[in-house]
C-alpha cells in the first residue's frame, strides 16, 4: 500500500494583496503628480478642485494593477510560469496606469 502526500498550496489571503496594491497606488500617485502639479496656470473651465479627480482615479487604477500582480504571483505558486506571470502583470499594470491617467485627466488636461 502506498501513501499519498497531500500537496499544499499557499493560501490566498487579503494580506498578500495589500502590499502590492499600496506599491502600485504609490507609483501611480507619483506619475500623476508629475502631470497635475506641473500645471502653472490651469484653465478656468476646469474648476477650483480639478486636481482631485486625477489624484483619486489614477492611484485606484494603480492599486488594481498591484492586485493583479499579487494574483499572478499566487497563480505562479500554483504552477503558472513565473516569468510569464510577471511579464503579464507588468503589461497589465502599464495599460491600467495609462487608462487611469486618461480617465483621471478627462475633460481637463486630456481633452
N, C-alpha and C. Protein backbone atom coordinates (compact mmCIF):
# COMPACT_ATOMS: atom_id res chain seq x y z
N UNK A 1 0.84 -1.18 0.00
CA UNK A 1 0.00 0.00 0.00
C UNK A 1 0.89 1.25 0.00
N UNK A 2 0.62 2.18 -0.85
CA UNK A 2 1.40 3.41 -0.96
C UNK A 2 0.67 4.56 -0.28
N UNK A 3 1.47 5.39 0.32
CA UNK A 3 0.89 6.57 0.96
C UNK A 3 0.91 7.73 -0.03
N UNK A 4 -0.15 8.45 -0.06
CA UNK A 4 -0.23 9.61 -0.93
C UNK A 4 -0.01 10.87 -0.10
N UNK A 5 0.83 11.73 -0.63
CA UNK A 5 1.09 13.00 0.04
C UNK A 5 0.13 14.05 -0.48
N UNK A 6 -0.40 14.80 0.42
CA UNK A 6 -1.27 15.89 0.01
C UNK A 6 -0.42 17.11 -0.30
N UNK A 7 -0.62 17.65 -1.47
CA UNK A 7 0.10 18.84 -1.86
C UNK A 7 -0.61 20.05 -1.28
N UNK A 8 0.17 20.92 -0.69
CA UNK A 8 -0.43 22.12 -0.12
C UNK A 8 -0.01 23.31 -0.95
N UNK A 9 -0.96 24.14 -1.26
CA UNK A 9 -0.72 25.39 -1.96
C UNK A 9 -0.79 26.52 -0.96
N UNK A 10 0.00 27.56 -1.18
CA UNK A 10 -0.11 28.69 -0.26
C UNK A 10 -1.50 29.31 -0.31
N UNK A 11 -1.96 29.71 0.84
CA UNK A 11 -3.30 30.28 0.93
C UNK A 11 -3.35 31.67 0.32
N UNK A 12 -4.46 31.96 -0.30
CA UNK A 12 -4.68 33.29 -0.86
C UNK A 12 -5.36 34.13 0.22
N UNK A 13 -4.62 35.11 0.75
CA UNK A 13 -5.17 35.93 1.82
C UNK A 13 -5.18 37.39 1.42
N UNK A 14 -5.95 38.16 2.15
CA UNK A 14 -6.05 39.58 1.86
C UNK A 14 -4.73 40.29 2.13
N UNK A 15 -3.97 39.79 3.09
CA UNK A 15 -2.68 40.40 3.41
C UNK A 15 -1.69 40.33 2.27
N UNK A 16 -1.79 39.30 1.44
CA UNK A 16 -0.87 39.17 0.33
C UNK A 16 -1.20 40.15 -0.80
N UNK A 17 -2.37 40.74 -0.77
CA UNK A 17 -2.77 41.71 -1.78
C UNK A 17 -2.46 43.15 -1.37
N UNK A 18 -2.36 43.42 -0.09
CA UNK A 18 -2.27 44.79 0.40
C UNK A 18 -0.96 45.46 -0.02
N UNK A 19 0.17 44.80 0.18
CA UNK A 19 1.46 45.42 -0.14
C UNK A 19 1.60 45.74 -1.62
N UNK A 20 1.32 44.81 -2.56
CA UNK A 20 1.41 45.18 -3.97
C UNK A 20 0.42 46.27 -4.38
N UNK A 21 -0.75 46.31 -3.75
CA UNK A 21 -1.72 47.35 -4.07
C UNK A 21 -1.22 48.72 -3.62
N UNK A 22 -0.59 48.78 -2.44
CA UNK A 22 -0.07 50.05 -1.94
C UNK A 22 1.09 50.52 -2.81
N UNK A 23 1.95 49.60 -3.20
CA UNK A 23 3.07 49.96 -4.07
C UNK A 23 2.57 50.44 -5.43
N UNK A 24 1.60 49.73 -6.01
CA UNK A 24 1.03 50.14 -7.29
C UNK A 24 0.35 51.49 -7.22
N UNK A 25 -0.38 51.74 -6.15
CA UNK A 25 -1.04 53.04 -5.98
C UNK A 25 -0.01 54.15 -5.76
N UNK A 26 1.06 53.86 -5.04
CA UNK A 26 2.09 54.86 -4.80
C UNK A 26 2.81 55.26 -6.08
N UNK A 27 3.13 54.28 -6.93
CA UNK A 27 3.77 54.58 -8.20
C UNK A 27 2.83 55.42 -9.07
N UNK A 28 1.56 55.05 -9.11
CA UNK A 28 0.58 55.80 -9.90
C UNK A 28 0.42 57.22 -9.37
N UNK A 29 0.45 57.38 -8.06
CA UNK A 29 0.33 58.72 -7.48
C UNK A 29 1.53 59.59 -7.86
N UNK A 30 2.72 59.01 -7.86
CA UNK A 30 3.90 59.77 -8.28
C UNK A 30 3.81 60.18 -9.74
N UNK A 31 3.35 59.27 -10.59
CA UNK A 31 3.25 59.57 -12.03
C UNK A 31 2.23 60.68 -12.27
N UNK A 32 1.05 60.57 -11.68
CA UNK A 32 0.01 61.57 -11.94
C UNK A 32 0.37 62.90 -11.28
N UNK A 33 1.11 62.87 -10.17
CA UNK A 33 1.54 64.12 -9.53
C UNK A 33 2.47 64.91 -10.43
N UNK A 34 3.29 64.20 -11.21
CA UNK A 34 4.17 64.87 -12.15
C UNK A 34 3.37 65.71 -13.14
N UNK A 35 2.24 65.18 -13.61
CA UNK A 35 1.41 65.91 -14.56
C UNK A 35 0.57 66.99 -13.89
N UNK A 36 -0.06 66.65 -12.78
CA UNK A 36 -1.02 67.54 -12.15
C UNK A 36 -0.35 68.76 -11.52
N UNK A 37 0.72 68.53 -10.79
CA UNK A 37 1.36 69.65 -10.10
C UNK A 37 2.32 70.42 -11.00
N UNK A 38 2.46 69.98 -12.23
CA UNK A 38 3.28 70.71 -13.19
C UNK A 38 2.52 71.81 -13.92
N UNK A 39 1.23 71.92 -13.67
CA UNK A 39 0.41 72.94 -14.32
C UNK A 39 0.53 74.24 -13.54
N UNK A 40 1.02 75.28 -14.21
CA UNK A 40 1.18 76.58 -13.54
C UNK A 40 -0.11 77.39 -13.55
N UNK A 41 -0.76 77.43 -14.70
CA UNK A 41 -1.99 78.22 -14.82
C UNK A 41 -3.09 77.33 -15.40
N UNK A 42 -3.92 76.74 -14.54
CA UNK A 42 -4.99 75.87 -15.05
C UNK A 42 -6.05 76.67 -15.80
N UNK A 43 -6.69 76.00 -16.71
CA UNK A 43 -7.76 76.63 -17.49
C UNK A 43 -8.92 76.96 -16.57
N UNK A 44 -9.55 78.11 -16.71
CA UNK A 44 -10.65 78.49 -15.81
C UNK A 44 -11.87 77.56 -15.90
N UNK A 45 -12.07 76.88 -17.03
CA UNK A 45 -13.21 75.98 -17.17
C UNK A 45 -13.05 74.69 -16.35
N UNK A 46 -11.85 74.39 -15.88
CA UNK A 46 -11.60 73.14 -15.17
C UNK A 46 -12.18 73.14 -13.77
N UNK A 47 -12.42 74.27 -13.21
CA UNK A 47 -12.98 74.35 -11.86
C UNK A 47 -11.89 74.49 -10.81
N UNK A 48 -12.34 74.75 -9.59
CA UNK A 48 -11.41 75.01 -8.49
C UNK A 48 -10.69 73.74 -8.01
N UNK A 49 -11.39 72.64 -7.98
CA UNK A 49 -10.83 71.39 -7.45
C UNK A 49 -10.58 70.37 -8.55
N UNK A 50 -10.02 70.78 -9.66
CA UNK A 50 -9.81 69.90 -10.79
C UNK A 50 -8.76 68.83 -10.50
N UNK A 51 -7.89 69.07 -9.54
CA UNK A 51 -6.82 68.11 -9.23
C UNK A 51 -7.34 66.89 -8.47
N UNK A 52 -8.49 66.97 -7.86
CA UNK A 52 -8.99 65.87 -7.02
C UNK A 52 -9.26 64.61 -7.84
N UNK A 53 -9.88 64.75 -8.97
CA UNK A 53 -10.25 63.57 -9.76
C UNK A 53 -9.03 62.77 -10.22
N UNK A 54 -8.02 63.39 -10.84
CA UNK A 54 -6.88 62.58 -11.26
C UNK A 54 -6.09 62.00 -10.08
N UNK A 55 -6.06 62.71 -8.96
CA UNK A 55 -5.33 62.21 -7.80
C UNK A 55 -6.06 61.09 -7.07
N UNK A 56 -7.31 60.84 -7.42
CA UNK A 56 -8.06 59.73 -6.84
C UNK A 56 -8.15 58.57 -7.83
N UNK A 57 -8.49 58.86 -9.07
CA UNK A 57 -8.74 57.82 -10.07
C UNK A 57 -7.46 57.06 -10.43
N UNK A 58 -6.38 57.78 -10.67
CA UNK A 58 -5.15 57.13 -11.12
C UNK A 58 -4.54 56.20 -10.07
N UNK A 59 -4.44 56.59 -8.78
CA UNK A 59 -3.96 55.62 -7.80
C UNK A 59 -4.87 54.41 -7.64
N UNK A 60 -6.16 54.58 -7.84
CA UNK A 60 -7.06 53.41 -7.80
C UNK A 60 -6.73 52.44 -8.93
N UNK A 61 -6.44 52.97 -10.11
CA UNK A 61 -6.04 52.12 -11.23
C UNK A 61 -4.72 51.43 -10.93
N UNK A 62 -3.79 52.15 -10.31
CA UNK A 62 -2.51 51.55 -9.92
C UNK A 62 -2.68 50.46 -8.88
N UNK A 63 -3.59 50.67 -7.95
CA UNK A 63 -3.86 49.65 -6.93
C UNK A 63 -4.45 48.39 -7.55
N UNK A 64 -5.29 48.55 -8.55
CA UNK A 64 -5.85 47.38 -9.23
C UNK A 64 -4.76 46.62 -9.99
N UNK A 65 -3.81 47.37 -10.56
CA UNK A 65 -2.67 46.72 -11.21
C UNK A 65 -1.82 45.95 -10.21
N UNK A 66 -1.65 46.51 -9.01
CA UNK A 66 -0.94 45.80 -7.95
C UNK A 66 -1.68 44.56 -7.49
N UNK A 67 -2.99 44.62 -7.43
CA UNK A 67 -3.79 43.45 -7.07
C UNK A 67 -3.67 42.36 -8.13
N UNK A 68 -3.62 42.76 -9.39
CA UNK A 68 -3.43 41.78 -10.46
C UNK A 68 -2.07 41.12 -10.35
N UNK A 69 -1.05 41.90 -9.99
CA UNK A 69 0.28 41.33 -9.78
C UNK A 69 0.25 40.29 -8.65
N UNK A 70 -0.39 40.62 -7.54
CA UNK A 70 -0.48 39.67 -6.42
C UNK A 70 -1.22 38.40 -6.84
N UNK A 71 -2.26 38.55 -7.64
CA UNK A 71 -2.99 37.39 -8.11
C UNK A 71 -2.11 36.52 -9.01
N UNK A 72 -1.32 37.16 -9.87
CA UNK A 72 -0.45 36.38 -10.76
C UNK A 72 0.68 35.70 -9.99
N UNK A 73 1.17 36.31 -8.93
CA UNK A 73 2.17 35.65 -8.09
C UNK A 73 1.55 34.43 -7.43
N UNK A 74 0.32 34.55 -6.99
CA UNK A 74 -0.39 33.40 -6.43
C UNK A 74 -0.55 32.29 -7.47
N UNK A 75 -0.90 32.68 -8.69
CA UNK A 75 -1.05 31.68 -9.75
C UNK A 75 0.28 31.02 -10.08
N UNK A 76 1.38 31.77 -10.01
CA UNK A 76 2.68 31.17 -10.31
C UNK A 76 3.08 30.18 -9.23
N UNK A 77 2.62 30.38 -8.00
CA UNK A 77 2.90 29.41 -6.95
C UNK A 77 2.08 28.13 -7.13
N UNK A 78 1.06 28.20 -7.94
CA UNK A 78 0.23 27.04 -8.23
C UNK A 78 0.62 26.34 -9.52
N UNK A 79 1.70 26.80 -10.18
CA UNK A 79 2.17 26.10 -11.36
C UNK A 79 2.26 26.93 -12.62
N UNK A 80 1.74 28.14 -12.61
CA UNK A 80 1.82 29.01 -13.78
C UNK A 80 3.27 29.47 -13.94
N UNK A 81 3.73 29.67 -15.14
CA UNK A 81 5.09 30.10 -15.41
C UNK A 81 5.35 31.46 -14.76
N UNK A 82 6.34 31.52 -13.87
CA UNK A 82 6.59 32.75 -13.10
C UNK A 82 7.04 33.91 -13.99
N UNK A 83 7.90 33.64 -14.95
CA UNK A 83 8.36 34.70 -15.85
C UNK A 83 7.21 35.28 -16.64
N UNK A 84 6.36 34.42 -17.15
CA UNK A 84 5.19 34.87 -17.91
C UNK A 84 4.23 35.65 -17.01
N UNK A 85 4.09 35.21 -15.77
CA UNK A 85 3.19 35.89 -14.83
C UNK A 85 3.67 37.31 -14.55
N UNK A 86 4.96 37.49 -14.32
CA UNK A 86 5.49 38.82 -14.03
C UNK A 86 5.41 39.70 -15.27
N UNK A 87 5.73 39.15 -16.43
CA UNK A 87 5.65 39.92 -17.67
C UNK A 87 4.21 40.36 -17.96
N UNK A 88 3.27 39.45 -17.79
CA UNK A 88 1.86 39.79 -17.99
C UNK A 88 1.39 40.83 -16.97
N UNK A 89 1.86 40.72 -15.74
CA UNK A 89 1.49 41.70 -14.71
C UNK A 89 2.02 43.08 -15.05
N UNK A 90 3.23 43.14 -15.56
CA UNK A 90 3.82 44.43 -15.94
C UNK A 90 3.04 45.06 -17.09
N UNK A 91 2.67 44.28 -18.07
CA UNK A 91 1.90 44.80 -19.21
C UNK A 91 0.53 45.29 -18.75
N UNK A 92 -0.14 44.51 -17.92
CA UNK A 92 -1.46 44.90 -17.43
C UNK A 92 -1.35 46.16 -16.56
N UNK A 93 -0.29 46.27 -15.76
CA UNK A 93 -0.13 47.45 -14.92
C UNK A 93 0.08 48.71 -15.76
N UNK A 94 0.94 48.63 -16.76
CA UNK A 94 1.21 49.80 -17.60
C UNK A 94 -0.05 50.23 -18.36
N UNK A 95 -0.78 49.28 -18.91
CA UNK A 95 -2.02 49.62 -19.63
C UNK A 95 -3.05 50.19 -18.66
N UNK A 96 -3.18 49.59 -17.48
CA UNK A 96 -4.12 50.10 -16.48
C UNK A 96 -3.74 51.49 -15.99
N UNK A 97 -2.44 51.73 -15.82
CA UNK A 97 -1.98 53.05 -15.41
C UNK A 97 -2.29 54.09 -16.48
N UNK A 98 -2.05 53.73 -17.72
CA UNK A 98 -2.35 54.65 -18.82
C UNK A 98 -3.85 54.97 -18.87
N UNK A 99 -4.69 53.94 -18.73
CA UNK A 99 -6.14 54.18 -18.74
C UNK A 99 -6.57 55.00 -17.52
N UNK A 100 -5.93 54.79 -16.37
CA UNK A 100 -6.23 55.58 -15.18
C UNK A 100 -5.86 57.04 -15.36
N UNK A 101 -4.74 57.28 -16.02
CA UNK A 101 -4.33 58.66 -16.29
C UNK A 101 -5.32 59.32 -17.24
N UNK A 102 -5.72 58.60 -18.27
CA UNK A 102 -6.68 59.16 -19.23
C UNK A 102 -8.02 59.43 -18.55
N UNK A 103 -8.49 58.48 -17.73
CA UNK A 103 -9.77 58.67 -17.05
C UNK A 103 -9.70 59.80 -16.02
N UNK A 104 -8.56 59.94 -15.36
CA UNK A 104 -8.41 60.99 -14.36
C UNK A 104 -8.31 62.38 -14.96
N UNK A 105 -7.62 62.47 -16.09
CA UNK A 105 -7.42 63.77 -16.71
C UNK A 105 -8.46 64.11 -17.77
N UNK A 106 -9.46 63.26 -17.92
CA UNK A 106 -10.51 63.50 -18.91
C UNK A 106 -11.22 64.82 -18.60
N UNK A 107 -11.41 65.61 -19.62
CA UNK A 107 -12.07 66.93 -19.59
C UNK A 107 -11.25 67.99 -18.88
N UNK A 108 -10.00 67.70 -18.55
CA UNK A 108 -9.10 68.75 -18.06
C UNK A 108 -7.89 68.80 -18.98
N UNK A 109 -6.82 68.15 -18.61
CA UNK A 109 -5.61 68.16 -19.43
C UNK A 109 -5.73 67.24 -20.65
N UNK A 110 -6.56 66.21 -20.54
CA UNK A 110 -6.75 65.26 -21.64
C UNK A 110 -8.07 65.60 -22.30
N UNK A 111 -8.03 66.40 -23.34
CA UNK A 111 -9.27 66.83 -23.96
C UNK A 111 -9.23 66.65 -25.45
